[in-house]
Amino acid sequence: MLYTYRTRVQSYFIYLIYIFFPNIFPPFFVSFIYKHIYMYIYLSVYIYIYIYIFPLRNGH
């Protein structure tokens, strides 16, 4: 639960940086992040499943 909250806050922080400070990062970096934001969400969901679902299935 704490992990999902932390990743959610990190994603919100990244969005706030891109909204309020668009001139800090070069445009190719911003486009790179926007292209890979779905991969970031996929990895966070995968780590959540690996941490919380697999120990329950293994009996730990």
Protein backbone atom coordinates (compact mmCIF):
# COMPACT_ATOMS: atom_id res chain seq x y z
CA MET A 1 0.00 0.00 0.00
CA LEU A 2 2.83 2.34 0.86
CA TYR A 3 4.63 1.42 -2.36
CA THR A 4 1.66 2.25 -4.57
CA TYR A 5 1.20 5.55 -2.75
CA ARG A 6 4.88 6.41 -3.27
CA THR A 7 4.84 5.65 -7.01
CA ARG A 8 1.59 7.60 -7.39
CA VAL A 9 3.18 10.61 -5.71
CA GLN A 10 6.24 10.28 -7.93
CA SER A 11 4.08 10.26 -11.07
CA TYR A 12 2.14 13.31 -9.87
CA PHE A 13 5.44 15.05 -9.11
CA ILE A 14 6.70 14.34 -12.63
CA TYR A 15 3.50 15.73 -14.14
CA LEU A 16 3.72 18.86 -11.96
CA ILE A 17 7.32 19.42 -13.07
CA TYR A 18 6.30 19.19 -16.73
CA ILE A 19 3.31 21.48 -16.24
CA PHE A 20 4.93 24.24 -14.19
CA PHE A 21 8.56 24.02 -15.34
CA PRO A 22 8.52 23.05 -19.02
CA ASN A 23 11.68 25.01 -19.83
CA ILE A 24 13.98 23.05 -17.50
CA PHE A 25 14.07 19.92 -19.63
CA PRO A 26 14.83 19.86 -23.36
CA PRO A 27 11.91 18.85 -25.62
CA PHE A 28 13.42 15.52 -26.64
CA PHE A 29 13.63 14.49 -22.98
CA VAL A 30 9.98 15.42 -22.38
CA SER A 31 8.89 13.48 -25.47
CA PHE A 32 10.98 10.53 -24.29
CA ILE A 33 9.20 10.56 -20.92
CA TYR A 34 5.79 10.87 -22.53
CA LYS A 35 6.54 7.96 -24.83
CA HIS A 36 7.59 5.77 -21.91
CA ILE A 37 5.01 6.80 -19.32
CA TYR A 38 2.95 3.69 -20.09
CA MET A 39 6.03 1.52 -19.57
CA TYR A 40 6.52 3.23 -16.19
CA ILE A 41 2.92 2.43 -15.21
CA TYR A 42 3.35 -1.16 -16.43
CA LEU A 43 6.52 -1.65 -14.38
CA SER A 44 4.89 -0.20 -11.25
CA VAL A 45 1.92 -2.57 -11.62
CA TYR A 46 4.27 -5.51 -12.25
CA ILE A 47 6.33 -4.74 -9.13
CA TYR A 48 3.11 -4.36 -7.11
CA ILE A 49 1.93 -7.79 -8.26
CA TYR A 50 5.37 -9.31 -7.61
CA ILE A 51 5.56 -7.91 -4.06
CA TYR A 52 1.98 -8.45 -2.87
CA ILE A 53 0.39 -11.23 -4.93
CA PHE A 54 3.24 -13.75 -5.22
CA PRO A 55 3.95 -13.97 -1.44
CA LEU A 56 0.25 -14.62 -0.88
CA ARG A 57 0.27 -17.40 -3.48
CA ASN A 58 3.44 -18.95 -2.06
CA GLY A 59 2.03 -19.08 1.44
CA HIS A 60 4.39 -16.53 2.96
